[in-house]
Amino acid sequence: MKQPFTKDINQPVQQYLVQRWRGGELMQATDQLAEEVPVALVYNGVSHAVMLASPQDLEDFALGFSLTEGILQDKSELYGVEIQAQENGIELQLEIATEQFVKLKEHRRNIAGRTGCGLCGAESLTQVFRLPAVRDAGVALQPISMHSVFKAHDSICALQPMQQKTGATHACAWADSDGAIQYVREDVGRHNALDKLLGVLCKQEVKGGFILTSSRASYEMVQKVTMMGFDLLAAISAPTGLAVRIAEEYGITLLGFVRDQQYVAYSHANRMTE
């Protein structure tokens, strides 16, 4: 069954012909699939990375990725983003401050010529973690009610149109301290969804509240949340051991298995209230 090829790579959800077996009968039908598109991030004319992502909210993605990767230190260092559709993907042309671009080029020279790495772009173990200074132990974390977390979890599904159509995407959301979700971003990749969310939160200068993700919580996700100044990450699935250790050290409350009016607190559980 030959599928129609579409040139419209800007559409995050597209229809495909399928054969469905149901109730003892084979039938032809249409199904909606989430698209993943190569997205190249190009800084001041120099290509830096290519990610597979859902082709929506790409300006948020450009800013969030640049900040969580340490390419930029502040949103003011990003002067503009131009989205250019190409034959085989999308280019994000980012214009950034000269000082940050010089640092980026120097970093690229340092890793040039090396082959095969588990954490590409890291020259040593000390560069694996891009984290701020450890939070002052005397700074109290704002209490968060468990019912606020449950409220956000119960409402996130209705705010994921791509997931409802395709069943193939992740979502990351920001909720205020009362559990009301204000921003949601979806993507085929959980890290991309988080970068998109953090990008819009940075643009809107959002503080406080907490982050909810529909995926597991890896160390990279805890690291991204920490770098952007948030201190509670609630995951519908499990964290990794490294994620828990980073969360414990940097004052992040990390919740896993948030579902069915229950959760598991892996770090800084004392901030959770009824």
C-alpha atoms as a PDB file:
ATOM      1  CA  MET A   1       0.000   0.000   0.000  1.00  0.00           C
ATOM      2  CA  LYS A   2       1.761   3.077  -1.265  1.00  0.00           C
ATOM      3  CA  GLN A   3       1.500   6.118   0.955  1.00  0.00           C
ATOM      4  CA  PRO A   4       1.009   9.621  -0.450  1.00  0.00           C
ATOM      5  CA  PHE A   5       4.133  11.740   0.026  1.00  0.00           C
ATOM      6  CA  THR A   6       3.517  15.209   1.316  1.00  0.00           C
ATOM      7  CA  LYS A   7       5.819  18.193   0.976  1.00  0.00           C
ATOM      8  CA  ASP A   8       4.100  20.001   3.820  1.00  0.00           C
ATOM      9  CA  ILE A   9       6.654  19.351   6.542  1.00  0.00           C
ATOM     10  CA  ASN A  10       5.178  22.128   8.645  1.00  0.00           C
ATOM     11  CA  GLN A  11       2.203  19.972   9.606  1.00  0.00           C
ATOM     12  CA  PRO A  12       2.823  18.107  12.907  1.00  0.00           C
ATOM     13  CA  VAL A  13      -0.028  15.628  12.270  1.00  0.00           C
ATOM     14  CA  GLN A  14      -0.807  14.041   8.911  1.00  0.00           C
ATOM     15  CA  GLN A  15      -3.112  11.327   7.605  1.00  0.00           C
ATOM     16  CA  TYR A  16      -1.936   7.983   6.261  1.00  0.00           C
ATOM     17  CA  LEU A  17      -3.708   5.031   4.699  1.00  0.00           C
ATOM     18  CA  VAL A  18      -3.674   1.915   6.859  1.00  0.00           C
ATOM     19  CA  GLN A  19      -5.203  -1.538   6.987  1.00  0.00           C
ATOM     20  CA  ARG A  20      -7.001  -2.170  10.238  1.00  0.00           C
ATOM     21  CA  TRP A  21      -7.907  -5.595  11.581  1.00  0.00           C
ATOM     22  CA  ARG A  22     -10.802  -5.355  13.996  1.00  0.00           C
ATOM     23  CA  GLY A  23     -13.610  -7.693  15.020  1.00  0.00           C
ATOM     24  CA  GLY A  24     -12.431 -10.390  12.635  1.00  0.00           C
ATOM     25  CA  GLU A  25     -12.553  -8.066   9.641  1.00  0.00           C
ATOM     26  CA  LEU A  26      -9.797  -6.400   7.607  1.00  0.00           C
ATOM     27  CA  MET A  27     -10.600  -2.909   6.392  1.00  0.00           C
ATOM     28  CA  GLN A  28      -8.861   0.052   4.815  1.00  0.00           C
ATOM     29  CA  ALA A  29      -8.887   3.224   6.877  1.00  0.00           C
ATOM     30  CA  THR A  30      -7.033   6.428   7.539  1.00  0.00           C
ATOM     31  CA  ASP A  31      -4.934   7.078  10.597  1.00  0.00           C
ATOM     32  CA  GLN A  32      -3.366  10.252  11.974  1.00  0.00           C
ATOM     33  CA  LEU A  33       0.356  10.086  12.641  1.00  0.00           C
ATOM     34  CA  ALA A  34       2.674  12.475  14.399  1.00  0.00           C
ATOM     35  CA  GLU A  35       5.417  13.724  12.113  1.00  0.00           C
ATOM     36  CA  GLU A  36       9.059  13.989  13.137  1.00  0.00           C
ATOM     37  CA  VAL A  37      11.163  16.323  11.047  1.00  0.00           C
ATOM     38  CA  PRO A  38      14.923  16.999  10.989  1.00  0.00           C
ATOM     39  CA  VAL A  39      15.338  20.446  12.517  1.00  0.00           C
ATOM     40  CA  ALA A  40      18.754  22.071  12.088  1.00  0.00           C
ATOM     41  CA  LEU A  41      19.821  24.754  14.534  1.00  0.00           C
ATOM     42  CA  VAL A  42      22.069  27.227  12.721  1.00  0.00           C
ATOM     43  CA  TYR A  43      23.804  29.929  14.783  1.00  0.00           C
ATOM     44  CA  ASN A  44      24.982  33.028  12.912  1.00  0.00           C
ATOM     45  CA  GLY A  45      25.193  30.976   9.738  1.00  0.00           C
ATOM     46  CA  VAL A  46      27.012  27.973  11.264  1.00  0.00           C
ATOM     47  CA  SER A  47      25.107  24.703  11.674  1.00  0.00           C
ATOM     48  CA  HIS A  48      25.422  23.331  15.199  1.00  0.00           C
ATOM     49  CA  ALA A  49      22.983  20.444  15.644  1.00  0.00           C
ATOM     50  CA  VAL A  50      20.164  18.579  13.926  1.00  0.00           C
ATOM     51  CA  MET A  51      17.293  17.291  16.053  1.00  0.00           C
ATOM     52  CA  LEU A  52      14.266  15.211  15.133  1.00  0.00           C
ATOM     53  CA  ALA A  53      11.279  17.168  16.384  1.00  0.00           C
ATOM     54  CA  SER A  54       7.636  17.955  15.818  1.00  0.00           C
ATOM     55  CA  PRO A  55       7.367  20.957  13.466  1.00  0.00           C
ATOM     56  CA  GLN A  56       5.521  23.330  15.791  1.00  0.00           C
ATOM     57  CA  ASP A  57       6.469  25.885  18.460  1.00  0.00           C
ATOM     58  CA  LEU A  58       9.928  25.998  16.907  1.00  0.00           C
ATOM     59  CA  GLU A  59      10.791  29.495  18.117  1.00  0.00           C
ATOM     60  CA  ASP A  60      10.174  28.305  21.674  1.00  0.00           C
ATOM     61  CA  PHE A  61      12.328  25.267  20.917  1.00  0.00           C
ATOM     62  CA  ALA A  62      15.163  27.400  19.557  1.00  0.00           C
ATOM     63  CA  LEU A  63      15.306  29.522  22.698  1.00  0.00           C
ATOM     64  CA  GLY A  64      14.819  26.669  25.156  1.00  0.00           C
ATOM     65  CA  PHE A  65      17.442  24.469  23.490  1.00  0.00           C
ATOM     66  CA  SER A  66      19.950  27.310  23.334  1.00  0.00           C
ATOM     67  CA  LEU A  67      19.534  28.084  27.023  1.00  0.00           C
ATOM     68  CA  THR A  68      19.533  24.522  28.345  1.00  0.00           C
ATOM     69  CA  GLU A  69      22.537  23.619  26.204  1.00  0.00           C
ATOM     70  CA  GLY A  70      24.431  26.586  27.642  1.00  0.00           C
ATOM     71  CA  ILE A  71      24.831  28.277  24.264  1.00  0.00           C
ATOM     72  CA  LEU A  72      22.998  31.302  25.606  1.00  0.00           C
ATOM     73  CA  GLN A  73      22.910  32.573  29.157  1.00  0.00           C
ATOM     74  CA  ASP A  74      19.946  34.900  28.761  1.00  0.00           C
ATOM     75  CA  LYS A  75      17.080  35.361  26.317  1.00  0.00           C
ATOM     76  CA  SER A  76      18.417  38.836  25.447  1.00  0.00           C
ATOM     77  CA  GLU A  77      21.373  37.153  23.693  1.00  0.00           C
ATOM     78  CA  LEU A  78      19.005  35.772  21.041  1.00  0.00           C
ATOM     79  CA  TYR A  79      18.310  38.535  18.541  1.00  0.00           C
ATOM     80  CA  GLY A  80      16.062  36.650  16.158  1.00  0.00           C
ATOM     81  CA  VAL A  81      14.918  33.282  14.784  1.00  0.00           C
ATOM     82  CA  GLU A  82      14.040  32.678  11.137  1.00  0.00           C
ATOM     83  CA  ILE A  83      12.287  29.406  10.287  1.00  0.00           C
ATOM     84  CA  GLN A  84      13.231  28.151   6.829  1.00  0.00           C
ATOM     85  CA  ALA A  85      11.543  25.098   5.329  1.00  0.00           C
ATOM     86  CA  GLN A  86      13.932  22.990   3.244  1.00  0.00           C
ATOM     87  CA  GLU A  87      13.265  19.978   1.034  1.00  0.00           C
ATOM     88  CA  ASN A  88      14.248  17.462   3.709  1.00  0.00           C
ATOM     89  CA  GLY A  89      13.646  19.368   6.917  1.00  0.00           C
ATOM     90  CA  ILE A  90      13.581  22.737   8.628  1.00  0.00           C
ATOM     91  CA  GLU A  91      16.384  25.137   9.432  1.00  0.00           C
ATOM     92  CA  LEU A  92      16.203  27.453  12.405  1.00  0.00           C
ATOM     93  CA  GLN A  93      18.455  30.395  11.622  1.00  0.00           C
ATOM     94  CA  LEU A  94      19.359  31.947  14.972  1.00  0.00           C
ATOM     95  CA  GLU A  95      21.101  35.278  15.291  1.00  0.00           C
ATOM     96  CA  ILE A  96      22.885  35.426  18.629  1.00  0.00           C
ATOM     97  CA  ALA A  97      25.212  37.793  20.470  1.00  0.00           C
ATOM     98  CA  THR A  98      28.781  37.862  19.157  1.00  0.00           C
ATOM     99  CA  GLU A  99      30.303  36.896  22.516  1.00  0.00           C
ATOM    100  CA  GLN A 100      28.169  33.755  22.764  1.00  0.00           C
ATOM    101  CA  PHE A 101      28.865  32.841  19.144  1.00  0.00           C
ATOM    102  CA  VAL A 102      32.623  33.112  19.704  1.00  0.00           C
ATOM    103  CA  LYS A 103      32.314  30.745  22.674  1.00  0.00           C
ATOM    104  CA  LEU A 104      30.250  28.343  20.594  1.00  0.00           C
ATOM    105  CA  LYS A 105      32.815  28.311  17.783  1.00  0.00           C
ATOM    106  CA  GLU A 106      35.638  27.700  20.274  1.00  0.00           C
ATOM    107  CA  HIS A 107      33.739  24.771  21.738  1.00  0.00           C
ATOM    108  CA  ARG A 108      33.163  23.334  18.260  1.00  0.00           C
ATOM    109  CA  ARG A 109      36.902  23.539  17.504  1.00  0.00           C
ATOM    110  CA  ASN A 110      37.691  21.673  20.696  1.00  0.00           C
ATOM    111  CA  ILE A 111      35.511  18.701  19.768  1.00  0.00           C
ATOM    112  CA  ALA A 112      36.326  18.660  16.034  1.00  0.00           C
ATOM    113  CA  GLY A 113      37.799  15.441  14.737  1.00  0.00           C
ATOM    114  CA  ARG A 114      36.758  13.204  17.592  1.00  0.00           C
ATOM    115  CA  THR A 115      34.642  10.152  16.819  1.00  0.00           C
ATOM    116  CA  GLY A 116      32.055   8.192  18.762  1.00  0.00           C
ATOM    117  CA  CYS A 117      31.013   9.507  22.148  1.00  0.00           C
ATOM    118  CA  GLY A 118      28.298   8.647  24.612  1.00  0.00           C
ATOM    119  CA  LEU A 119      27.674  12.305  25.378  1.00  0.00           C
ATOM    120  CA  CYS A 120      28.474  14.193  22.214  1.00  0.00           C
ATOM    121  CA  GLY A 121      29.932  17.615  22.754  1.00  0.00           C
ATOM    122  CA  ALA A 122      31.381  16.840  26.178  1.00  0.00           C
ATOM    123  CA  GLU A 123      35.155  16.835  26.369  1.00  0.00           C
ATOM    124  CA  SER A 124      35.410  15.599  29.955  1.00  0.00           C
ATOM    125  CA  LEU A 125      33.298  14.353  32.830  1.00  0.00           C
ATOM    126  CA  THR A 126      33.147  17.863  34.263  1.00  0.00           C
ATOM    127  CA  GLN A 127      31.339  19.055  31.122  1.00  0.00           C
ATOM    128  CA  VAL A 128      28.586  16.455  31.289  1.00  0.00           C
ATOM    129  CA  PHE A 129      26.637  18.485  33.815  1.00  0.00           C
ATOM    130  CA  ARG A 130      25.709  22.087  32.973  1.00  0.00           C
ATOM    131  CA  LEU A 131      24.369  23.136  36.340  1.00  0.00           C
ATOM    132  CA  PRO A 132      24.287  26.329  38.387  1.00  0.00           C
ATOM    133  CA  ALA A 133      25.741  26.622  41.867  1.00  0.00           C
ATOM    134  CA  VAL A 134      24.187  24.353  44.478  1.00  0.00           C
ATOM    135  CA  ARG A 135      21.197  26.020  46.095  1.00  0.00           C
ATOM    136  CA  ASP A 136      21.846  27.561  49.530  1.00  0.00           C
ATOM    137  CA  ALA A 137      20.666  25.038  52.122  1.00  0.00           C
ATOM    138  CA  GLY A 138      19.134  27.916  54.079  1.00  0.00           C
ATOM    139  CA  VAL A 139      16.742  28.830  51.247  1.00  0.00           C
ATOM    140  CA  ALA A 140      13.367  27.217  51.923  1.00  0.00           C
ATOM    141  CA  LEU A 141      11.468  25.717  49.016  1.00  0.00           C
ATOM    142  CA  GLN A 142       7.908  26.936  48.512  1.00  0.00           C
ATOM    143  CA  PRO A 143       5.468  24.259  49.755  1.00  0.00           C
ATOM    144  CA  ILE A 144       3.364  22.612  47.063  1.00  0.00           C
ATOM    145  CA  SER A 145       0.149  20.751  47.803  1.00  0.00           C
ATOM    146  CA  MET A 146      -0.052  17.211  46.511  1.00  0.00           C
ATOM    147  CA  HIS A 147      -3.583  18.042  45.376  1.00  0.00           C
ATOM    148  CA  SER A 148      -2.176  20.759  43.098  1.00  0.00           C
ATOM    149  CA  VAL A 149       0.028  18.145  41.431  1.00  0.00           C
ATOM    150  CA  PHE A 150      -2.924  15.768  41.076  1.00  0.00           C
ATOM    151  CA  LYS A 151      -5.044  18.571  39.610  1.00  0.00           C
ATOM    152  CA  ALA A 152      -2.412  19.303  36.969  1.00  0.00           C
ATOM    153  CA  HIS A 153      -2.032  15.616  36.145  1.00  0.00           C
ATOM    154  CA  ASP A 154      -5.781  15.160  35.766  1.00  0.00           C
ATOM    155  CA  SER A 155      -6.041  18.073  33.321  1.00  0.00           C
ATOM    156  CA  ILE A 156      -2.959  17.572  31.151  1.00  0.00           C
ATOM    157  CA  CYS A 157      -4.480  14.921  28.867  1.00  0.00           C
ATOM    158  CA  ALA A 158      -7.193  17.288  27.655  1.00  0.00           C
ATOM    159  CA  LEU A 159      -4.472  19.806  26.734  1.00  0.00           C
ATOM    160  CA  GLN A 160      -2.574  17.451  24.391  1.00  0.00           C
ATOM    161  CA  PRO A 161      -4.298  17.609  20.986  1.00  0.00           C
ATOM    162  CA  MET A 162      -1.440  15.845  19.188  1.00  0.00           C
ATOM    163  CA  GLN A 163      -1.452  12.977  21.663  1.00  0.00           C
ATOM    164  CA  GLN A 164      -5.213  12.640  21.384  1.00  0.00           C
ATOM    165  CA  LYS A 165      -4.956  12.392  17.597  1.00  0.00           C
ATOM    166  CA  THR A 166      -1.871  10.173  17.304  1.00  0.00           C
ATOM    167  CA  GLY A 167      -0.992   8.570  20.643  1.00  0.00           C
ATOM    168  CA  ALA A 168       2.674   9.199  19.825  1.00  0.00           C
ATOM    169  CA  THR A 169       3.795  12.414  21.525  1.00  0.00           C
ATOM    170  CA  HIS A 170       5.080  13.606  24.878  1.00  0.00           C
ATOM    171  CA  ALA A 171       3.969  16.727  26.690  1.00  0.00           C
ATOM    172  CA  CYS A 172       5.521  19.034  29.256  1.00  0.00           C
ATOM    173  CA  ALA A 173       3.401  21.531  31.149  1.00  0.00           C
ATOM    174  CA  TRP A 174       3.832  24.367  33.623  1.00  0.00           C
ATOM    175  CA  ALA A 175       1.277  24.680  36.388  1.00  0.00           C
ATOM    176  CA  ASP A 176       0.950  27.392  38.984  1.00  0.00           C
ATOM    177  CA  SER A 177       1.073  26.600  42.701  1.00  0.00           C
ATOM    178  CA  ASP A 178      -2.665  25.843  42.652  1.00  0.00           C
ATOM    179  CA  GLY A 179      -2.201  23.213  39.949  1.00  0.00           C
ATOM    180  CA  ALA A 180      -3.745  25.203  37.112  1.00  0.00           C
ATOM    181  CA  ILE A 181      -1.869  24.470  33.881  1.00  0.00           C
ATOM    182  CA  GLN A 182      -0.979  27.646  31.984  1.00  0.00           C
ATOM    183  CA  TYR A 183       1.432  26.403  29.291  1.00  0.00           C
ATOM    184  CA  VAL A 184       1.784  23.058  27.483  1.00  0.00           C
ATOM    185  CA  ARG A 185       4.149  22.018  24.725  1.00  0.00           C
ATOM    186  CA  GLU A 186       4.081  18.718  22.797  1.00  0.00           C
ATOM    187  CA  ASP A 187       6.694  16.908  20.741  1.00  0.00           C
ATOM    188  CA  VAL A 188       7.633  13.434  19.581  1.00  0.00           C
ATOM    189  CA  GLY A 189      10.701  13.818  21.826  1.00  0.00           C
ATOM    190  CA  ARG A 190      10.324  14.399  25.566  1.00  0.00           C
ATOM    191  CA  HIS A 191      13.466  16.558  25.726  1.00  0.00           C
ATOM    192  CA  ASN A 192      12.170  18.656  22.834  1.00  0.00           C
ATOM    193  CA  ALA A 193       8.828  19.125  24.568  1.00  0.00           C
ATOM    194  CA  LEU A 194      10.657  20.333  27.673  1.00  0.00           C
ATOM    195  CA  ASP A 195      12.898  22.691  25.688  1.00  0.00           C
ATOM    196  CA  LYS A 196       9.822  24.153  23.973  1.00  0.00           C
ATOM    197  CA  LEU A 197       8.114  24.658  27.321  1.00  0.00           C
ATOM    198  CA  LEU A 198      11.172  26.225  28.941  1.00  0.00           C
ATOM    199  CA  GLY A 199      11.555  28.490  25.921  1.00  0.00           C
ATOM    200  CA  VAL A 200       8.071  29.955  26.262  1.00  0.00           C
ATOM    201  CA  LEU A 201       8.396  30.201  30.057  1.00  0.00           C
ATOM    202  CA  CYS A 202      11.601  32.184  29.607  1.00  0.00           C
ATOM    203  CA  LYS A 203       9.999  34.512  27.065  1.00  0.00           C
ATOM    204  CA  GLN A 204       7.057  35.118  29.381  1.00  0.00           C
ATOM    205  CA  GLU A 205       9.357  35.423  32.424  1.00  0.00           C
ATOM    206  CA  VAL A 206       7.369  32.800  34.338  1.00  0.00           C
ATOM    207  CA  LYS A 207       8.594  31.889  37.808  1.00  0.00           C
ATOM    208  CA  GLY A 208       7.468  29.505  40.554  1.00  0.00           C
ATOM    209  CA  GLY A 209       4.918  26.753  40.064  1.00  0.00           C
ATOM    210  CA  PHE A 210       6.128  23.383  38.824  1.00  0.00           C
ATOM    211  CA  ILE A 211       6.867  21.337  35.707  1.00  0.00           C
ATOM    212  CA  LEU A 212       4.886  18.213  34.781  1.00  0.00           C
ATOM    213  CA  THR A 213       6.066  15.741  32.153  1.00  0.00           C
ATOM    214  CA  SER A 214       4.214  12.838  30.561  1.00  0.00           C
ATOM    215  CA  SER A 215       7.443  10.838  30.347  1.00  0.00           C
ATOM    216  CA  ARG A 216      10.086   9.409  32.635  1.00  0.00           C
ATOM    217  CA  ALA A 217      12.484  11.839  34.296  1.00  0.00           C
ATOM    218  CA  SER A 218      16.051  11.466  33.052  1.00  0.00           C
ATOM    219  CA  TYR A 219      19.032  13.376  34.405  1.00  0.00           C
ATOM    220  CA  GLU A 220      18.911  15.701  31.370  1.00  0.00           C
ATOM    221  CA  MET A 221      15.370  16.731  32.214  1.00  0.00           C
ATOM    222  CA  VAL A 222      16.257  17.457  35.842  1.00  0.00           C
ATOM    223  CA  GLN A 223      19.295  19.379  34.598  1.00  0.00           C
ATOM    224  CA  LYS A 224      17.226  21.495  32.194  1.00  0.00           C
ATOM    225  CA  VAL A 225      14.652  22.307  34.885  1.00  0.00           C
ATOM    226  CA  THR A 226      17.416  23.237  37.324  1.00  0.00           C
ATOM    227  CA  MET A 227      19.207  25.500  34.845  1.00  0.00           C
ATOM    228  CA  MET A 228      16.008  27.457  34.212  1.00  0.00           C
ATOM    229  CA  GLY A 229      15.361  28.083  37.894  1.00  0.00           C
ATOM    230  CA  PHE A 230      12.454  25.728  38.596  1.00  0.00           C
ATOM    231  CA  ASP A 231      12.531  23.427  41.597  1.00  0.00           C
ATOM    232  CA  LEU A 232       9.806  20.798  41.193  1.00  0.00           C
ATOM    233  CA  LEU A 233       9.583  18.241  38.407  1.00  0.00           C
ATOM    234  CA  ALA A 234       6.658  15.809  38.452  1.00  0.00           C
ATOM    235  CA  ALA A 235       6.868  12.844  36.086  1.00  0.00           C
ATOM    236  CA  ILE A 236       4.117  10.427  35.171  1.00  0.00           C
ATOM    237  CA  SER A 237       6.707   7.653  34.899  1.00  0.00           C
ATOM    238  CA  ALA A 238       9.927   6.819  36.772  1.00  0.00           C
ATOM    239  CA  PRO A 239      13.159   8.785  37.211  1.00  0.00           C
ATOM    240  CA  THR A 240      16.656   7.410  36.772  1.00  0.00           C
ATOM    241  CA  GLY A 241      19.084   7.057  39.649  1.00  0.00           C
ATOM    242  CA  LEU A 242      21.284   9.846  38.300  1.00  0.00           C
ATOM    243  CA  ALA A 243      18.265  12.126  38.013  1.00  0.00           C
ATOM    244  CA  VAL A 244      17.461  11.524  41.683  1.00  0.00           C
ATOM    245  CA  ARG A 245      21.024  12.258  42.827  1.00  0.00           C
ATOM    246  CA  ILE A 246      21.154  15.520  40.872  1.00  0.00           C
ATOM    247  CA  ALA A 247      17.732  16.543  42.167  1.00  0.00           C
ATOM    248  CA  GLU A 248      18.783  15.832  45.745  1.00  0.00           C
ATOM    249  CA  GLU A 249      21.999  17.827  45.440  1.00  0.00           C
ATOM    250  CA  TYR A 250      20.469  20.830  43.709  1.00  0.00           C
ATOM    251  CA  GLY A 251      17.353  21.236  45.802  1.00  0.00           C
ATOM    252  CA  ILE A 252      14.860  19.885  43.268  1.00  0.00           C
ATOM    253  CA  THR A 253      11.766  18.050  44.425  1.00  0.00           C
ATOM    254  CA  LEU A 254      11.475  15.108  42.036  1.00  0.00           C
ATOM    255  CA  LEU A 255       8.208  13.188  41.886  1.00  0.00           C
ATOM    256  CA  GLY A 256       7.621  10.031  39.885  1.00  0.00           C
ATOM    257  CA  PHE A 257       4.621   7.815  39.109  1.00  0.00           C
ATOM    258  CA  VAL A 258       2.247  10.769  39.442  1.00  0.00           C
ATOM    259  CA  ARG A 259      -1.033   9.099  38.580  1.00  0.00           C
ATOM    260  CA  ASP A 260      -4.271   7.840  40.148  1.00  0.00           C
ATOM    261  CA  GLN A 261      -4.029  10.283  43.060  1.00  0.00           C
ATOM    262  CA  GLN A 262      -0.626   9.009  44.172  1.00  0.00           C
ATOM    263  CA  TYR A 263       3.047   9.788  43.696  1.00  0.00           C
ATOM    264  CA  VAL A 264       6.526   8.723  44.792  1.00  0.00           C
ATOM    265  CA  ALA A 265       8.809  11.492  46.097  1.00  0.00           C
ATOM    266  CA  TYR A 266      12.472  10.768  45.344  1.00  0.00           C
ATOM    267  CA  SER A 267      14.048  13.962  46.675  1.00  0.00           C
ATOM    268  CA  HIS A 268      13.135  16.866  48.960  1.00  0.00           C
ATOM    269  CA  ALA A 269       9.825  15.298  49.833  1.00  0.00           C
ATOM    270  CA  ASN A 270       9.335  17.558  52.853  1.00  0.00           C
ATOM    271  CA  ARG A 271       8.065  20.447  50.685  1.00  0.00           C
ATOM    272  CA  MET A 272       4.970  18.433  49.697  1.00  0.00           C
ATOM    273  CA  THR A 273       1.881  19.214  51.750  1.00  0.00           C
ATOM    274  CA  GLU A 274      -1.692  18.032  51.810  1.00  0.00           C
END
